[in-house]
Structures are given as C-alpha cells and as structure tokens.
Amino acid sequence: IFSESLNGGSTYDTHQNQLSDDLWEFSNHDEKSQVLISGGFRVLVELLRDSLSADEVMLNQTVSRISIQEDTTAQAPVQVATADGKIFEGSHVIVTVPLGVLKAGTITFEPPLPTSKQDVIERIGFGSVEKVVMTFKNSFWRRNPRKQDHFFSIPDPIASHGSFFDVSMSSGVGPGSPSSPCLASVFGPPKAAWVAENPEAAIEEVLSELQMMFPDTFEPPVATAASNWTTSSFSKGCYPYTSVDTQPGDFIKFAEPTHNGRVLFAGDTCA
C-alpha cells in the first residue's frame, strides 16, 4: 500500500480519500505481473487496421451525437454524427471513448442512455495522471544492463511524483525491432494538470531529477514527450478506479450494451 500511495499500482491516479477500500473487483490481479505488448500497443492497432481497407479507417472525426432509431426494421438504425456535420450509418456502434468524456456529456445519445447507465458512469471514479516519456541511447539507470529497473525518487515524502518505469521492452516500433531504452515518469494529482499545461517545464524537471540521481552515468535523451490527458477534451483524465461511491458490479454494468443491443461499450473501464 505504501508503494502504491507513492504513485505506483492502482492508487496513484487520485487522492486516497476518494478511493474505496472494500471494492477491488477492478483492481485485483491474480497474476503476479501485468502483460504488455512487445513493441507497444500500436502493434494491436495495426493488426486491427490491416484487416480493413484504407477508406474504412477515418481519423480526426470528432463524434458529437449517437442516434438510434426505434424502428427495428431499418437497415441502418444507428447514426453517428460528427462535429463538422458528417453522418455515419450502421447497425451497431462501439463506444470506446474514455470515461471522462462520458462523464462530461460531450457526446449526446438519442434516446439518452438509461438512467442506470448514467448512474454507473457517475459513480465510477476517473483519475488524473500524466507521463513524461524519454528515450535514451543507453540504460544508464540500470544496475544490471539486461534487466529492467523501476525506481522512485522521493526528495519530498509528500510529493505526488517521482515514479520511474523502465518500459524499454514494450517500446519500439514492432516485433523484432530493436527497442531503445525508455523511461516513463508518472505524475499524479495534484501535479498532473501542471504537467499537461507545461510539458516542456515538466520534461526539464524530470531530466534534472534523473541527473541528480545518476550524476556519473546520466546522458541527455534522444527524444522526449509529455502527455496531456488531464486537460485534453478527448480524455478528461485517465484510469478508472473504484471510488467511495462505486457499488459492487458497477464495472460489469458499465460494459453492458444499451438501446436493445445497438450501442456497445469497450475500453479501459471495461477491462
């Protein structure tokens, strides 16, 4: 619990006062470790993309409304409207937007989502986390050059940052491709918003911290990037969690389809 409270595991995405201590249906794992995809999650996306033609994958389409016709005999009972006025029709729609987007109500459902579904969306918590990712030529932080190392920097015991995760094995461009040594530094609340709004300053702070921790082996990064999930209108946060309001079975209820099975749900809240 102590290590998780210092930004590791399932509790670093929110203040501990907002966490439920008796609902762990979503947080517990029977396995001793989590499974990541070698080469990054882009490998999964590319696998799905390769089964479709180029004109079937449409990017930069901001969905504003999802309408379901009550006429069950209609050939295309589902309509998805975008912010620029385009309409896409089909038999079903899979909603994979982050929980924060559903909480904000930026997508209108016609007819509205059932009250029971709206209540579940409200009760499940949604966290605030940002990451600074850095790629290096060498793994200067490792004690064993061939073994990944995760570590903490705790200059201030109350600070809400300082977690470093060696993600070298899951980074890169795909199976068989060499992966550059890669670190991800995780920031939880209340600093997540600052990282999202000040990415360059956040990167500079993280590099300064690494240099302080490894003065003899530190080297400048080849590339850096910072997330902005907290402030982005397409996420409005990240990582669902069991809040003090979450009830048993809420995550299962969230994944259930609505509108006579026409509207399906997927994404990290269903994981």
Protein backbone atom coordinates (compact mmCIF):
# COMPACT_ATOMS: atom_id res chain seq x y z
CA ILE A 1 0.00 0.00 0.00
CA PHE A 2 2.85 2.39 0.85
CA SER A 3 4.49 1.97 -2.55
CA GLU A 4 1.16 2.37 -4.33
CA SER A 5 0.48 5.57 -2.42
CA LEU A 6 3.76 6.91 -3.81
CA ASN A 7 2.35 6.74 -7.34
CA GLY A 8 2.70 3.03 -8.07
CA GLY A 9 0.00 0.49 -8.77
CA SER A 10 -3.69 1.25 -8.74
CA THR A 11 -3.86 4.19 -6.32
CA TYR A 12 -1.70 6.86 -7.90
CA ASP A 13 -4.45 8.30 -10.07
CA THR A 14 -6.45 10.02 -7.36
CA HIS A 15 -6.33 11.26 -3.79
CA GLN A 16 -6.54 8.42 -1.27
CA ASN A 17 -9.64 9.99 0.33
CA GLN A 18 -11.56 9.24 -2.87
CA LEU A 19 -10.65 5.54 -3.00
CA SER A 20 -12.88 2.72 -1.84
CA ASP A 21 -11.13 0.19 0.43
CA ASP A 22 -13.77 -2.52 0.12
CA LEU A 23 -14.33 -2.71 -3.64
CA TRP A 24 -11.44 -4.28 -5.52
CA GLU A 25 -13.26 -6.14 -8.30
CA PHE A 26 -11.47 -3.96 -10.85
CA SER A 27 -8.11 -3.57 -9.14
CA ASN A 28 -7.12 -7.08 -8.10
CA HIS A 29 -4.99 -9.25 -10.40
CA ASP A 30 -4.48 -12.98 -9.91
CA GLU A 31 -1.26 -12.85 -11.91
CA LYS A 32 1.98 -11.68 -10.33
CA SER A 33 2.71 -9.29 -13.18
CA GLN A 34 0.87 -7.40 -15.88
CA VAL A 35 1.20 -8.28 -19.55
CA LEU A 36 2.42 -5.69 -22.06
CA ILE A 37 2.72 -5.95 -25.84
CA SER A 38 6.28 -6.01 -27.14
CA GLY A 39 6.65 -3.08 -29.49
CA GLY A 40 3.86 -1.07 -27.85
CA PHE A 41 0.09 -1.03 -28.22
CA ARG A 42 0.45 0.30 -31.74
CA VAL A 43 1.04 -3.33 -32.75
CA LEU A 44 -2.53 -4.20 -31.72
CA VAL A 45 -3.93 -1.14 -33.52
CA GLU A 46 -2.03 -2.02 -36.70
CA LEU A 47 -3.27 -5.62 -36.51
CA LEU A 48 -6.88 -4.40 -36.47
CA ARG A 49 -6.19 -1.78 -39.15
CA ASP A 50 -4.63 -4.26 -41.57
CA SER A 51 -7.92 -6.16 -41.84
CA LEU A 52 -9.66 -3.02 -43.16
CA SER A 53 -9.33 -1.04 -46.36
CA ALA A 54 -7.89 2.47 -46.28
CA ASP A 55 -11.29 4.14 -46.72
CA GLU A 56 -12.74 2.22 -43.77
CA VAL A 57 -10.41 3.90 -41.24
CA MET A 58 -11.42 7.52 -40.71
CA LEU A 59 -9.27 9.71 -38.47
CA ASN A 60 -9.90 13.13 -36.93
CA GLN A 61 -13.67 12.60 -36.74
CA THR A 62 -14.97 14.18 -33.51
CA VAL A 63 -18.24 12.46 -32.59
CA SER A 64 -20.92 14.75 -31.18
CA ARG A 65 -24.10 12.63 -31.32
CA ILE A 66 -25.14 8.98 -31.48
CA SER A 67 -28.75 8.37 -32.57
CA ILE A 68 -30.61 5.06 -32.55
CA GLN A 69 -33.85 4.72 -34.48
CA GLU A 70 -36.70 2.99 -32.73
CA ASP A 71 -37.68 1.28 -36.00
CA THR A 72 -36.00 -2.11 -35.62
CA THR A 73 -36.57 -2.90 -39.32
CA ALA A 74 -34.36 -0.04 -40.51
CA GLN A 75 -31.28 -1.19 -42.44
CA ALA A 76 -29.06 1.32 -40.64
CA PRO A 77 -30.71 2.05 -37.30
CA VAL A 78 -27.59 3.71 -35.84
CA GLN A 79 -26.36 7.15 -36.89
CA VAL A 80 -23.14 8.72 -35.65
CA ALA A 81 -22.83 12.47 -36.23
CA THR A 82 -19.56 14.40 -36.08
CA ALA A 83 -18.87 17.98 -35.06
CA ASP A 84 -18.42 19.05 -38.69
CA GLY A 85 -21.80 17.65 -39.76
CA LYS A 86 -20.86 14.27 -41.23
CA ILE A 87 -23.17 11.31 -40.67
CA PHE A 88 -22.08 7.68 -40.49
CA GLU A 89 -24.68 4.90 -40.50
CA GLY A 90 -24.56 1.31 -39.36
CA SER A 91 -26.27 -1.49 -37.47
CA HIS A 92 -24.29 -1.03 -34.24
CA VAL A 93 -21.83 1.38 -32.65
CA ILE A 94 -18.98 0.55 -30.25
CA VAL A 95 -18.29 3.37 -27.78
CA THR A 96 -14.65 3.32 -26.67
CA VAL A 97 -14.17 6.92 -25.51
CA PRO A 98 -12.56 7.41 -22.08
CA LEU A 99 -14.84 7.53 -19.06
CA GLY A 100 -14.06 11.22 -18.60
CA VAL A 101 -15.70 12.04 -21.94
CA LEU A 102 -18.87 10.20 -20.94
CA LYS A 103 -18.87 11.95 -17.57
CA ALA A 104 -18.63 15.33 -19.32
CA GLY A 105 -21.55 14.51 -21.61
CA THR A 106 -19.80 15.80 -24.72
CA ILE A 107 -21.47 13.06 -26.78
CA THR A 108 -25.26 13.25 -26.96
CA PHE A 109 -27.18 9.97 -27.08
CA GLU A 110 -30.64 9.89 -28.69
CA PRO A 111 -32.56 8.42 -26.94
CA PRO A 112 -30.50 9.20 -23.82
CA LEU A 113 -28.52 6.49 -22.05
CA PRO A 114 -30.64 4.64 -19.46
CA THR A 115 -30.60 6.22 -16.01
CA SER A 116 -28.92 3.11 -14.61
CA LYS A 117 -26.04 3.52 -17.08
CA GLN A 118 -25.70 7.22 -16.32
CA ASP A 119 -25.58 6.44 -12.59
CA VAL A 120 -22.76 3.92 -13.13
CA ILE A 121 -20.80 6.45 -15.20
CA GLU A 122 -21.19 8.95 -12.36
CA ARG A 123 -20.21 6.52 -9.58
CA ILE A 124 -17.01 5.10 -11.10
CA GLY A 125 -14.02 7.31 -10.41
CA PHE A 126 -11.70 8.67 -13.09
CA GLY A 127 -8.16 9.70 -12.23
CA SER A 128 -5.57 12.32 -13.08
CA VAL A 129 -2.21 11.06 -14.29
CA GLU A 130 0.35 12.41 -16.75
CA LYS A 131 3.54 10.82 -18.04
CA VAL A 132 6.84 12.13 -19.29
CA VAL A 133 8.45 9.61 -21.63
CA MET A 134 12.15 9.69 -22.51
CA THR A 135 14.24 7.61 -24.91
CA PHE A 136 17.99 7.21 -24.36
CA LYS A 137 20.88 5.54 -26.16
CA ASN A 138 21.90 3.69 -23.01
CA SER A 139 20.10 2.41 -19.91
CA PHE A 140 22.24 4.42 -17.51
CA TRP A 141 19.84 3.81 -14.59
CA ARG A 142 20.07 0.01 -14.62
CA ARG A 143 22.09 -1.96 -12.11
CA ASN A 144 22.00 -4.93 -14.50
CA PRO A 145 22.25 -3.77 -18.15
CA ARG A 146 19.95 -6.60 -19.27
CA LYS A 147 17.30 -6.24 -16.57
CA GLN A 148 14.65 -3.55 -16.45
CA ASP A 149 14.59 -1.36 -13.34
CA HIS A 150 11.70 0.61 -11.87
CA PHE A 151 12.59 3.12 -9.19
CA PHE A 152 11.40 6.05 -7.11
CA SER A 153 12.78 9.49 -6.43
CA ILE A 154 11.45 10.86 -3.15
CA PRO A 155 13.09 14.22 -2.38
CA ASP A 156 9.88 15.15 -0.57
CA PRO A 157 7.80 12.35 1.06
CA ILE A 158 4.63 14.30 0.38
CA ALA A 159 5.42 14.97 -3.30
CA SER A 160 2.97 13.48 -5.79
CA HIS A 161 5.57 12.46 -8.35
CA GLY A 162 8.83 10.57 -8.55
CA SER A 163 7.92 7.20 -10.08
CA PHE A 164 10.10 5.96 -12.94
CA PHE A 165 9.14 2.93 -15.01
CA ASP A 166 11.53 1.18 -17.39
CA VAL A 167 9.33 0.45 -20.43
CA SER A 168 12.11 -0.50 -22.83
CA MET A 169 10.74 -3.97 -23.52
CA SER A 170 7.32 -2.66 -24.55
CA SER A 171 8.53 0.35 -26.53
CA GLY A 172 9.87 0.34 -30.10
CA VAL A 173 8.26 0.01 -33.49
CA GLY A 174 7.15 -3.60 -33.53
CA PRO A 175 8.10 -7.25 -33.03
CA GLY A 176 11.70 -7.95 -33.97
CA SER A 177 12.66 -4.29 -34.00
CA PRO A 178 15.28 -3.06 -31.54
CA SER A 179 13.81 -1.09 -28.65
CA SER A 180 15.67 1.93 -27.35
CA PRO A 181 15.97 2.23 -23.57
CA CYS A 182 12.88 4.12 -22.46
CA LEU A 183 11.73 5.58 -19.15
CA ALA A 184 8.29 6.88 -18.21
CA SER A 185 7.94 9.22 -15.25
CA VAL A 186 4.45 9.27 -13.74
CA PHE A 187 2.83 12.29 -12.10
CA GLY A 188 -0.36 12.00 -10.07
CA PRO A 189 -2.61 14.67 -8.60
CA PRO A 190 -2.29 17.49 -7.81
CA LYS A 191 0.58 17.93 -10.27
CA ALA A 192 -0.94 16.20 -13.29
CA ALA A 193 -2.65 19.35 -14.58
CA TRP A 194 0.60 21.29 -14.30
CA VAL A 195 2.41 18.67 -16.39
CA ALA A 196 -0.31 18.77 -19.04
CA GLU A 197 -0.22 22.56 -19.25
CA ASN A 198 3.58 22.90 -19.01
CA PRO A 199 5.09 19.91 -20.86
CA GLU A 200 8.49 21.49 -21.54
CA ALA A 201 8.94 22.52 -17.91
CA ALA A 202 7.87 19.05 -16.77
CA ILE A 203 10.39 17.36 -19.05
CA GLU A 204 13.14 19.68 -17.79
CA GLU A 205 12.23 18.90 -14.18
CA VAL A 206 12.30 15.15 -14.77
CA LEU A 207 15.67 15.26 -16.54
CA SER A 208 17.09 17.39 -13.73
CA GLU A 209 15.86 14.82 -11.23
CA LEU A 210 17.45 11.96 -13.17
CA GLN A 211 20.73 13.83 -13.41
CA MET A 212 20.69 14.35 -9.66
CA MET A 213 20.04 10.65 -9.05
CA PHE A 214 22.64 9.38 -11.55
CA PRO A 215 25.35 12.06 -11.68
CA ASP A 216 28.04 9.72 -13.02
CA THR A 217 26.06 7.91 -15.72
CA PHE A 218 23.33 10.34 -16.80
CA GLU A 219 23.11 11.19 -20.51
CA PRO A 220 20.80 13.53 -22.45
CA PRO A 221 17.76 11.88 -24.04
CA VAL A 222 17.35 11.21 -27.74
CA ALA A 223 13.66 12.13 -27.63
CA THR A 224 11.06 13.20 -25.07
CA ALA A 225 7.29 13.61 -24.89
CA ALA A 226 4.67 14.50 -22.29
CA SER A 227 1.01 13.53 -22.15
CA ASN A 228 -1.91 15.91 -21.64
CA TRP A 229 -4.75 13.55 -20.72
CA THR A 230 -5.92 15.72 -17.83
CA THR A 231 -6.65 18.76 -20.00
CA SER A 232 -7.49 17.09 -23.32
CA SER A 233 -11.16 17.25 -24.34
CA PHE A 234 -10.76 13.74 -25.79
CA SER A 235 -9.88 12.12 -22.46
CA LYS A 236 -10.52 14.49 -19.50
CA GLY A 237 -8.34 12.35 -17.26
CA CYS A 238 -7.26 8.73 -17.27
CA TYR A 239 -7.53 5.46 -15.37
CA PRO A 240 -10.92 4.46 -13.91
CA TYR A 241 -10.90 3.42 -10.26
CA THR A 242 -13.25 2.27 -7.51
CA SER A 243 -14.33 5.48 -5.80
CA VAL A 244 -16.13 5.75 -2.48
CA ASP A 245 -19.39 5.86 -4.48
CA THR A 246 -18.68 2.81 -6.66
CA GLN A 247 -21.02 -0.11 -6.00
CA PRO A 248 -20.42 -3.86 -6.47
CA GLY A 249 -20.94 -4.80 -10.11
CA ASP A 250 -20.62 -1.26 -11.48
CA PHE A 251 -17.80 -2.13 -13.88
CA ILE A 252 -19.80 -5.06 -15.22
CA LYS A 253 -22.87 -2.84 -15.65
CA PHE A 254 -20.79 -0.23 -17.46
CA ALA A 255 -19.82 -2.80 -20.10
CA GLU A 256 -23.42 -3.87 -20.77
CA PRO A 257 -24.93 -2.78 -24.13
CA THR A 258 -27.84 -0.33 -24.30
CA HIS A 259 -30.57 0.61 -26.80
CA ASN A 260 -31.61 -3.00 -27.46
CA GLY A 261 -28.02 -4.07 -28.01
CA ARG A 262 -27.27 -1.46 -30.67
CA VAL A 263 -24.84 0.55 -28.51
CA LEU A 264 -21.86 -1.44 -27.25
CA PHE A 265 -19.16 -0.32 -24.83
CA ALA A 266 -15.44 -1.11 -24.72
CA GLY A 267 -12.25 0.48 -23.41
CA ASP A 268 -10.25 0.57 -20.20
CA THR A 269 -13.35 0.89 -17.98
CA CYS A 270 -14.47 -2.49 -19.34
CA ALA A 271 -11.06 -4.16 -18.91
